[in-house]
C-alpha atoms as a PDB file:
ATOM      1  CA  MET A   1     214.663  75.670 107.212  1.00  0.00           C
ATOM      2  CA  ARG A   2     210.947  75.683 108.037  1.00  0.00           C
ATOM      3  CA  ARG A   3     210.961  79.491 108.177  1.00  0.00           C
ATOM      4  CA  MET A   4     212.568  79.618 104.741  1.00  0.00           C
ATOM      5  CA  LYS A   5     209.838  77.291 103.409  1.00  0.00           C
ATOM      6  CA  TYR A   6     207.120  79.596 104.721  1.00  0.00           C
ATOM      7  CA  LEU A   7     208.850  82.637 103.223  1.00  0.00           C
ATOM      8  CA  VAL A   8     208.952  80.915  99.826  1.00  0.00           C
ATOM      9  CA  ILE A   9     205.228  80.064 100.045  1.00  0.00           C
ATOM     10  CA  ILE A  10     204.337  83.636 101.014  1.00  0.00           C
ATOM     11  CA  ALA A  11     206.465  84.989  98.162  1.00  0.00           C
ATOM     12  CA  LEU A  12     204.679  82.707  95.674  1.00  0.00           C
ATOM     13  CA  VAL A  13     201.260  83.793  96.950  1.00  0.00           C
ATOM     14  CA  ILE A  14     202.201  87.464  96.559  1.00  0.00           C
ATOM     15  CA  PHE A  15     203.634  86.798  93.079  1.00  0.00           C
ATOM     16  CA  PHE A  16     200.529  85.046  91.768  1.00  0.00           C
ATOM     17  CA  ALA A  17     198.288  87.675  93.337  1.00  0.00           C
ATOM     18  CA  PHE A  18     200.301  90.331  91.529  1.00  0.00           C
ATOM     19  CA  ILE A  19     200.184  88.727  88.073  1.00  0.00           C
ATOM     20  CA  CYS A  20     196.555  87.761  88.525  1.00  0.00           C
ATOM     21  CA  GLY A  21     195.205  91.110  89.731  1.00  0.00           C
ATOM     22  CA  SER A  22     191.517  91.677  90.304  1.00  0.00           C
ATOM     23  CA  PRO A  23     190.228  89.527  87.400  1.00  0.00           C
ATOM     24  CA  CYS A  24     191.037  86.330  89.283  1.00  0.00           C
ATOM     25  CA  ALA A  25     188.382  87.096  91.833  1.00  0.00           C
ATOM     26  CA  GLY A  26     185.639  88.216  89.469  1.00  0.00           C
ATOM     27  CA  GLN A  27     186.697  87.321  85.940  1.00  0.00           C
ATOM     28  CA  VAL A  28     186.048  83.643  85.240  1.00  0.00           C
ATOM     29  CA  SER A  29     187.484  83.611  81.725  1.00  0.00           C
ATOM     30  CA  ASN A  30     189.991  85.392  79.515  1.00  0.00           C
ATOM     31  CA  PHE A  31     187.218  87.379  77.831  1.00  0.00           C
ATOM     32  CA  ALA A  32     185.100  90.385  78.763  1.00  0.00           C
ATOM     33  CA  LEU A  33     182.245  92.140  76.968  1.00  0.00           C
ATOM     34  CA  THR A  34     182.860  95.697  75.819  1.00  0.00           C
ATOM     35  CA  PHE A  35     180.409  98.597  75.585  1.00  0.00           C
ATOM     36  CA  ASN A  36     180.415 102.346  75.042  1.00  0.00           C
ATOM     37  CA  CYS A  37     180.210 103.886  78.505  1.00  0.00           C
ATOM     38  CA  GLY A  38     180.566 107.593  77.724  1.00  0.00           C
ATOM     39  CA  ASP A  39     178.045 110.182  76.635  1.00  0.00           C
ATOM     40  CA  ASP A  40     180.071 110.855  73.496  1.00  0.00           C
ATOM     41  CA  HIS A  41     180.279 107.114  72.640  1.00  0.00           C
ATOM     42  CA  HIS A  42     184.075 107.323  72.451  1.00  0.00           C
ATOM     43  CA  ARG A  43     184.773 105.741  75.824  1.00  0.00           C
ATOM     44  CA  LEU A  44     185.060 101.980  75.930  1.00  0.00           C
ATOM     45  CA  CYS A  45     184.487  99.913  79.066  1.00  0.00           C
ATOM     46  CA  LEU A  46     184.662  96.231  79.935  1.00  0.00           C
ATOM     47  CA  ILE A  47     182.125  94.459  82.094  1.00  0.00           C
ATOM     48  CA  GLY A  48     183.861  93.223  85.233  1.00  0.00           C
ATOM     49  CA  GLN A  49     186.459  94.394  87.730  1.00  0.00           C
ATOM     50  CA  ILE A  50     189.884  94.266  86.090  1.00  0.00           C
ATOM     51  CA  ALA A  51     193.060  95.638  87.613  1.00  0.00           C
ATOM     52  CA  ALA A  52     194.264  98.982  86.267  1.00  0.00           C
ATOM     53  CA  GLY A  53     197.196  98.807  83.881  1.00  0.00           C
ATOM     54  CA  LYS A  54     196.388  95.375  82.500  1.00  0.00           C
ATOM     55  CA  SER A  55     197.178  94.906  78.814  1.00  0.00           C
ATOM     56  CA  ILE A  56     194.170  93.712  76.795  1.00  0.00           C
ATOM     57  CA  THR A  57     193.387  92.980  73.157  1.00  0.00           C
ATOM     58  CA  LEU A  58     190.183  94.343  71.628  1.00  0.00           C
ATOM     59  CA  LEU A  59     188.536  92.174  68.961  1.00  0.00           C
ATOM     60  CA  SER A  60     186.661  93.821  66.111  1.00  0.00           C
ATOM     61  CA  GLY A  61     183.217  92.632  65.101  1.00  0.00           C
ATOM     62  CA  LYS A  62     183.592  94.137  61.616  1.00  0.00           C
ATOM     63  CA  SER A  63     186.931  92.688  60.479  1.00  0.00           C
ATOM     64  CA  SER A  64     189.894  90.646  61.694  1.00  0.00           C
ATOM     65  CA  ARG A  65     191.368  93.788  63.219  1.00  0.00           C
ATOM     66  CA  ILE A  66     192.670  93.849  66.791  1.00  0.00           C
ATOM     67  CA  CYS A  67     193.734  96.774  68.929  1.00  0.00           C
ATOM     68  CA  ARG A  68     195.911  96.847  72.031  1.00  0.00           C
ATOM     69  CA  ALA A  69     194.730  98.809  75.049  1.00  0.00           C
ATOM     70  CA  ARG A  70     195.169  99.037  78.808  1.00  0.00           C
ATOM     71  CA  THR A  71     192.627  99.093  81.587  1.00  0.00           C
ATOM     72  CA  ALA A  72     192.349 102.308  83.570  1.00  0.00           C
ATOM     73  CA  GLY A  73     190.594 101.197  86.746  1.00  0.00           C
ATOM     74  CA  SER A  74     187.085 100.125  87.682  1.00  0.00           C
ATOM     75  CA  PHE A  75     183.937 101.851  88.903  1.00  0.00           C
ATOM     76  CA  MET A  76     180.265 101.067  89.512  1.00  0.00           C
ATOM     77  CA  TYR A  77     177.981 101.424  86.479  1.00  0.00           C
ATOM     78  CA  PHE A  78     174.184 101.396  86.504  1.00  0.00           C
ATOM     79  CA  PHE A  79     172.475  98.561  84.644  1.00  0.00           C
ATOM     80  CA  GLU A  80     168.751  97.877  84.707  1.00  0.00           C
ATOM     81  CA  GLU A  81     169.471  94.688  86.614  1.00  0.00           C
ATOM     82  CA  GLY A  82     171.440  96.661  89.220  1.00  0.00           C
ATOM     83  CA  ASP A  83     174.825  98.302  89.642  1.00  0.00           C
ATOM     84  CA  LYS A  84     177.825  96.374  88.395  1.00  0.00           C
ATOM     85  CA  GLU A  85     181.560  96.866  88.438  1.00  0.00           C
ATOM     86  CA  VAL A  86     183.018  97.809  85.053  1.00  0.00           C
ATOM     87  CA  SER A  87     186.519  98.745  83.934  1.00  0.00           C
ATOM     88  CA  SER A  88     187.445 101.697  81.733  1.00  0.00           C
ATOM     89  CA  THR A  89     190.229 101.581  79.147  1.00  0.00           C
ATOM     90  CA  HIS A  90     193.051 103.707  77.781  1.00  0.00           C
ATOM     91  CA  LEU A  91     192.671 103.443  74.003  1.00  0.00           C
ATOM     92  CA  GLN A  92     195.572 104.007  71.641  1.00  0.00           C
ATOM     93  CA  LEU A  93     195.184 106.317  68.655  1.00  0.00           C
ATOM     94  CA  GLU A  94     194.878 103.410  66.216  1.00  0.00           C
ATOM     95  CA  CYS A  95     191.739 102.264  68.060  1.00  0.00           C
ATOM     96  CA  TYR A  96     189.957 104.986  66.116  1.00  0.00           C
ATOM     97  CA  ASP A  97     186.485 103.436  66.268  1.00  0.00           C
ATOM     98  CA  PRO A  98     185.682 102.028  69.737  1.00  0.00           C
ATOM     99  CA  GLY A  99     182.220 101.011  68.533  1.00  0.00           C
ATOM    100  CA  GLN A 100     183.610  98.252  66.316  1.00  0.00           C
ATOM    101  CA  TYR A 101     185.052  96.204  69.213  1.00  0.00           C
ATOM    102  CA  PHE A 102     182.675  93.688  70.735  1.00  0.00           C
ATOM    103  CA  LEU A 103     184.961  91.642  72.961  1.00  0.00           C
ATOM    104  CA  ALA A 104     188.184  92.020  74.924  1.00  0.00           C
ATOM    105  CA  TYR A 105     190.729  89.226  75.233  1.00  0.00           C
ATOM    106  CA  LEU A 106     192.561  89.328  78.561  1.00  0.00           C
ATOM    107  CA  GLY A 107     195.138  86.634  77.849  1.00  0.00           C
ATOM    108  CA  ILE A 108     198.838  87.338  77.464  1.00  0.00           C
ATOM    109  CA  GLY A 109     201.196  86.615  74.595  1.00  0.00           C
ATOM    110  CA  GLN A 110     200.712  86.740  70.851  1.00  0.00           C
ATOM    111  CA  VAL A 111     197.160  87.073  69.533  1.00  0.00           C
ATOM    112  CA  LYS A 112     196.064  85.618  66.198  1.00  0.00           C
ATOM    113  CA  TYR A 113     192.477  86.627  65.472  1.00  0.00           C
ATOM    114  CA  GLN A 114     190.287  85.918  62.468  1.00  0.00           C
ATOM    115  CA  LEU A 115     186.644  86.963  62.190  1.00  0.00           C
ATOM    116  CA  LEU A 116     184.836  84.298  60.180  1.00  0.00           C
ATOM    117  CA  GLU A 117     182.026  84.849  57.717  1.00  0.00           C
ATOM    118  CA  LEU A 118     179.155  82.421  58.014  1.00  0.00           C
ATOM    119  CA  SER A 119     177.636  81.095  54.827  1.00  0.00           C
ATOM    120  CA  LEU A 120     174.327  79.280  54.602  1.00  0.00           C
ATOM    121  CA  PHE A 121     174.134  75.761  53.223  1.00  0.00           C
ATOM    122  CA  GLU A 122     172.487  75.921  49.833  1.00  0.00           C
ATOM    123  CA  GLU A 123     171.884  72.181  49.604  1.00  0.00           C
ATOM    124  CA  LYS A 124     168.319  71.545  50.773  1.00  0.00           C
ATOM    125  CA  SER A 125     169.170  67.902  51.451  1.00  0.00           C
ATOM    126  CA  LYS A 126     171.779  68.982  54.048  1.00  0.00           C
ATOM    127  CA  VAL A 127     169.237  71.233  55.754  1.00  0.00           C
ATOM    128  CA  ARG A 128     166.686  68.401  55.834  1.00  0.00           C
ATOM    129  CA  ASP A 129     169.293  66.032  57.267  1.00  0.00           C
ATOM    130  CA  PHE A 130     170.135  68.509  60.018  1.00  0.00           C
ATOM    131  CA  ASP A 131     166.472  69.044  60.881  1.00  0.00           C
ATOM    132  CA  SER A 132     165.820  65.286  60.900  1.00  0.00           C
ATOM    133  CA  ALA A 133     168.766  64.704  63.253  1.00  0.00           C
ATOM    134  CA  VAL A 134     167.504  67.354  65.687  1.00  0.00           C
ATOM    135  CA  ARG A 135     163.918  66.112  65.690  1.00  0.00           C
ATOM    136  CA  GLY A 136     165.034  62.500  65.835  1.00  0.00           C
ATOM    137  CA  GLU A 137     166.801  63.247  69.120  1.00  0.00           C
ATOM    138  CA  ARG A 138     163.696  65.090  70.399  1.00  0.00           C
ATOM    139  CA  LEU A 139     165.778  68.190  71.129  1.00  0.00           C
ATOM    140  CA  LEU A 140     163.135  70.766  70.216  1.00  0.00           C
ATOM    141  CA  GLU A 141     160.786  72.342  72.735  1.00  0.00           C
ATOM    142  CA  ASP A 142     157.328  73.417  71.524  1.00  0.00           C
ATOM    143  CA  GLU A 143     157.878  71.875  68.084  1.00  0.00           C
ATOM    144  CA  ALA A 144     154.605  73.254  66.730  1.00  0.00           C
ATOM    145  CA  SER A 145     156.009  76.826  66.665  1.00  0.00           C
ATOM    146  CA  ILE A 146     159.355  75.788  65.150  1.00  0.00           C
ATOM    147  CA  PRO A 147     159.647  75.804  61.328  1.00  0.00           C
ATOM    148  CA  THR A 148     161.089  72.739  59.628  1.00  0.00           C
ATOM    149  CA  SER A 149     163.852  74.641  57.838  1.00  0.00           C
ATOM    150  CA  PRO A 150     166.630  75.814  60.153  1.00  0.00           C
ATOM    151  CA  LYS A 151     169.436  78.063  59.025  1.00  0.00           C
ATOM    152  CA  VAL A 152     172.407  75.731  58.704  1.00  0.00           C
ATOM    153  CA  PHE A 153     175.738  77.537  58.637  1.00  0.00           C
ATOM    154  CA  LEU A 154     178.868  76.226  57.030  1.00  0.00           C
ATOM    155  CA  LEU A 155     181.950  77.250  58.993  1.00  0.00           C
ATOM    156  CA  PRO A 156     184.824  78.399  56.749  1.00  0.00           C
ATOM    157  CA  VAL A 157     187.456  76.428  58.644  1.00  0.00           C
ATOM    158  CA  SER A 158     189.352  73.199  58.174  1.00  0.00           C
ATOM    159  CA  ARG A 159     187.016  71.485  60.644  1.00  0.00           C
ATOM    160  CA  LYS A 160     184.407  70.703  57.996  1.00  0.00           C
ATOM    161  CA  ASN A 161     182.551  68.336  60.299  1.00  0.00           C
ATOM    162  CA  ILE A 162     181.201  71.170  62.454  1.00  0.00           C
ATOM    163  CA  LEU A 163     177.834  72.674  61.495  1.00  0.00           C
ATOM    164  CA  ILE A 164     175.755  75.304  63.277  1.00  0.00           C
ATOM    165  CA  GLY A 165     171.975  75.236  62.937  1.00  0.00           C
ATOM    166  CA  GLN A 166     169.537  77.843  64.195  1.00  0.00           C
ATOM    167  CA  TYR A 167     165.757  77.760  64.001  1.00  0.00           C
ATOM    168  CA  GLU A 168     163.731  80.977  64.013  1.00  0.00           C
ATOM    169  CA  ALA A 169     160.703  80.566  66.246  1.00  0.00           C
ATOM    170  CA  GLU A 170     157.543  82.405  65.261  1.00  0.00           C
ATOM    171  CA  GLY A 171     157.114  85.735  67.023  1.00  0.00           C
ATOM    172  CA  HIS A 172     160.596  85.850  68.542  1.00  0.00           C
ATOM    173  CA  ASP A 173     162.447  88.323  66.276  1.00  0.00           C
ATOM    174  CA  GLY A 174     164.787  85.797  64.700  1.00  0.00           C
ATOM    175  CA  TYR A 175     165.560  83.951  67.941  1.00  0.00           C
ATOM    176  CA  GLY A 176     165.120  80.203  68.225  1.00  0.00           C
ATOM    177  CA  PRO A 177     166.782  76.944  69.276  1.00  0.00           C
ATOM    178  CA  LEU A 178     170.507  76.814  68.470  1.00  0.00           C
ATOM    179  CA  PHE A 179     172.374  73.567  67.766  1.00  0.00           C
ATOM    180  CA  MET A 180     175.725  72.281  66.649  1.00  0.00           C
ATOM    181  CA  SER A 181     176.498  69.067  64.810  1.00  0.00           C
ATOM    182  CA  ALA A 182     179.880  67.360  64.762  1.00  0.00           C
ATOM    183  CA  LYS A 183     180.776  63.842  63.640  1.00  0.00           C
ATOM    184  CA  GLY A 184     177.095  62.950  63.339  1.00  0.00           C
ATOM    185  CA  LYS A 185     176.274  64.034  66.916  1.00  0.00           C
ATOM    186  CA  VAL A 186     173.798  66.881  67.495  1.00  0.00           C
ATOM    187  CA  GLU A 187     173.851  69.026  70.653  1.00  0.00           C
ATOM    188  CA  LYS A 188     171.619  71.867  71.787  1.00  0.00           C
ATOM    189  CA  ILE A 189     173.617  74.997  72.609  1.00  0.00           C
ATOM    190  CA  HIS A 190     170.654  77.120  73.757  1.00  0.00           C
ATOM    191  CA  PHE A 191     166.869  76.919  73.498  1.00  0.00           C
ATOM    192  CA  LEU A 192     166.325  80.557  72.420  1.00  0.00           C
ATOM    193  CA  ALA A 193     169.283  82.259  70.753  1.00  0.00           C
ATOM    194  CA  SER A 194     170.517  84.264  67.792  1.00  0.00           C
ATOM    195  CA  VAL A 195     173.954  83.745  66.227  1.00  0.00           C
ATOM    196  CA  TYR A 196     176.118  86.870  66.544  1.00  0.00           C
ATOM    197  CA  ARG A 197     179.787  86.216  65.712  1.00  0.00           C
ATOM    198  CA  VAL A 198     182.062  83.295  64.879  1.00  0.00           C
ATOM    199  CA  PHE A 199     185.808  83.727  65.103  1.00  0.00           C
ATOM    200  CA  ARG A 200     189.087  81.936  65.486  1.00  0.00           C
ATOM    201  CA  LEU A 201     191.542  83.006  68.182  1.00  0.00           C
ATOM    202  CA  ASN A 202     194.962  81.440  68.630  1.00  0.00           C
ATOM    203  CA  GLY A 203     193.847  78.301  66.807  1.00  0.00           C
ATOM    204  CA  ARG A 204     190.571  77.866  68.737  1.00  0.00           C
ATOM    205  CA  LEU A 205     187.099  78.238  67.240  1.00  0.00           C
ATOM    206  CA  TYR A 206     184.471  80.328  69.072  1.00  0.00           C
ATOM    207  CA  LEU A 207     180.791  81.111  68.612  1.00  0.00           C
ATOM    208  CA  MET A 208     179.172  84.118  70.263  1.00  0.00           C
ATOM    209  CA  PHE A 209     175.403  84.416  70.443  1.00  0.00           C
ATOM    210  CA  HIS A 210     172.680  86.456  72.110  1.00  0.00           C
ATOM    211  CA  TRP A 211     170.116  84.584  74.175  1.00  0.00           C
ATOM    212  CA  ARG A 212     166.782  85.079  75.870  1.00  0.00           C
ATOM    213  CA  GLY A 213     165.737  83.336  79.041  1.00  0.00           C
ATOM    214  CA  SER A 214     162.038  82.833  78.392  1.00  0.00           C
ATOM    215  CA  TRP A 215     159.646  81.963  75.566  1.00  0.00           C
ATOM    216  CA  GLU A 216     157.150  84.419  77.090  1.00  0.00           C
ATOM    217  CA  GLY A 217     159.398  87.411  76.442  1.00  0.00           C
ATOM    218  CA  SER A 218     160.183  88.052  80.113  1.00  0.00           C
ATOM    219  CA  GLY A 219     163.251  87.132  82.094  1.00  0.00           C
ATOM    220  CA  ASP A 220     166.962  87.633  81.517  1.00  0.00           C
ATOM    221  CA  GLN A 221     168.704  88.066  78.209  1.00  0.00           C
ATOM    222  CA  GLY A 222     172.334  88.480  77.364  1.00  0.00           C
ATOM    223  CA  SER A 223     175.304  87.128  75.455  1.00  0.00           C
ATOM    224  CA  ALA A 224     177.355  83.949  75.670  1.00  0.00           C
ATOM    225  CA  LEU A 225     180.586  82.630  74.202  1.00  0.00           C
ATOM    226  CA  VAL A 226     181.235  78.940  73.513  1.00  0.00           C
ATOM    227  CA  GLU A 227     184.245  77.132  72.129  1.00  0.00           C
ATOM    228  CA  LEU A 228     183.474  74.667  69.331  1.00  0.00           C
ATOM    229  CA  THR A 229     185.396  71.456  68.727  1.00  0.00           C
ATOM    230  CA  GLU A 230     184.604  68.210  66.956  1.00  0.00           C
ATOM    231  CA  SER A 231     183.950  66.742  70.415  1.00  0.00           C
ATOM    232  CA  GLY A 232     181.232  69.292  71.196  1.00  0.00           C
ATOM    233  CA  PHE A 233     180.963  72.779  72.681  1.00  0.00           C
ATOM    234  CA  LYS A 234     182.164  74.302  75.946  1.00  0.00           C
ATOM    235  CA  LEU A 235     180.698  77.408  77.585  1.00  0.00           C
ATOM    236  CA  ILE A 236     183.445  79.999  78.081  1.00  0.00           C
ATOM    237  CA  PHE A 237     181.367  82.772  79.643  1.00  0.00           C
ATOM    238  CA  GLU A 238     177.972  84.444  79.580  1.00  0.00           C
ATOM    239  CA  ASP A 239     176.736  87.814  80.738  1.00  0.00           C
ATOM    240  CA  ALA A 240     173.237  89.115  81.419  1.00  0.00           C
ATOM    241  CA  SER A 241     174.088  92.707  82.352  1.00  0.00           C
ATOM    242  CA  TRP A 242     171.870  94.163  79.645  1.00  0.00           C
ATOM    243  CA  ALA A 243     168.176  93.840  80.365  1.00  0.00           C
ATOM    244  CA  THR A 244     166.942  95.360  77.099  1.00  0.00           C
ATOM    245  CA  GLU A 245     167.615  94.070  73.595  1.00  0.00           C
ATOM    246  CA  SER A 246     168.598  97.525  72.315  1.00  0.00           C
ATOM    247  CA  ASN A 247     171.662  97.488  74.548  1.00  0.00           C
ATOM    248  CA  VAL A 248     172.977  94.066  73.542  1.00  0.00           C
ATOM    249  CA  ARG A 249     175.902  94.557  71.173  1.00  0.00           C
END
């Protein structure tokens, strides 16, 4: 009886190792950044070690288009911050433009994806209210270099209580403190960021942004993905593989 119990445990371990594959060791979320990794710009890779043969869904940054693909194995790729494991992909014919995909979803099952267009609040009173809430909570660093008029984005979703506000700090190429507001509560998402994409996936709302790690212009920079809810935001993943702004997608 005891031997049978051990055999069952071993079988379960092998089963979960099989369905998990390599991502369980190195992939901390169901998402991975994509980038063109070939000289002809027609080869798409994912950052991270992902088992060959895994089915993935590529998300377009230009429309609500998705494309199915499979991973083709991993290899070491040179980044300025050092070599990193990346995974190549087998693209289907309908994935005609690899450059349009900015993110890969590694989850299984049906995928419902909608790229959302951000629109700026036109009401100056709303912008002033947002700025007052941020400054009232003393959430700004180096306030003297931060303008008093943030960009306040209205999310085109049913959750009308969620607002995104980004300041543009002087001399930082459009980067600045990034905040969200929900149900009257303001939270800082990052101290030096630039909004990149907002999308809905399987009923969840996500914000992707680029960030810099220092006001002085040195240090890491990369991308991050957060999930937005009326209760606040949750960091899903971030990656600092790219050391130069020109390489950040």
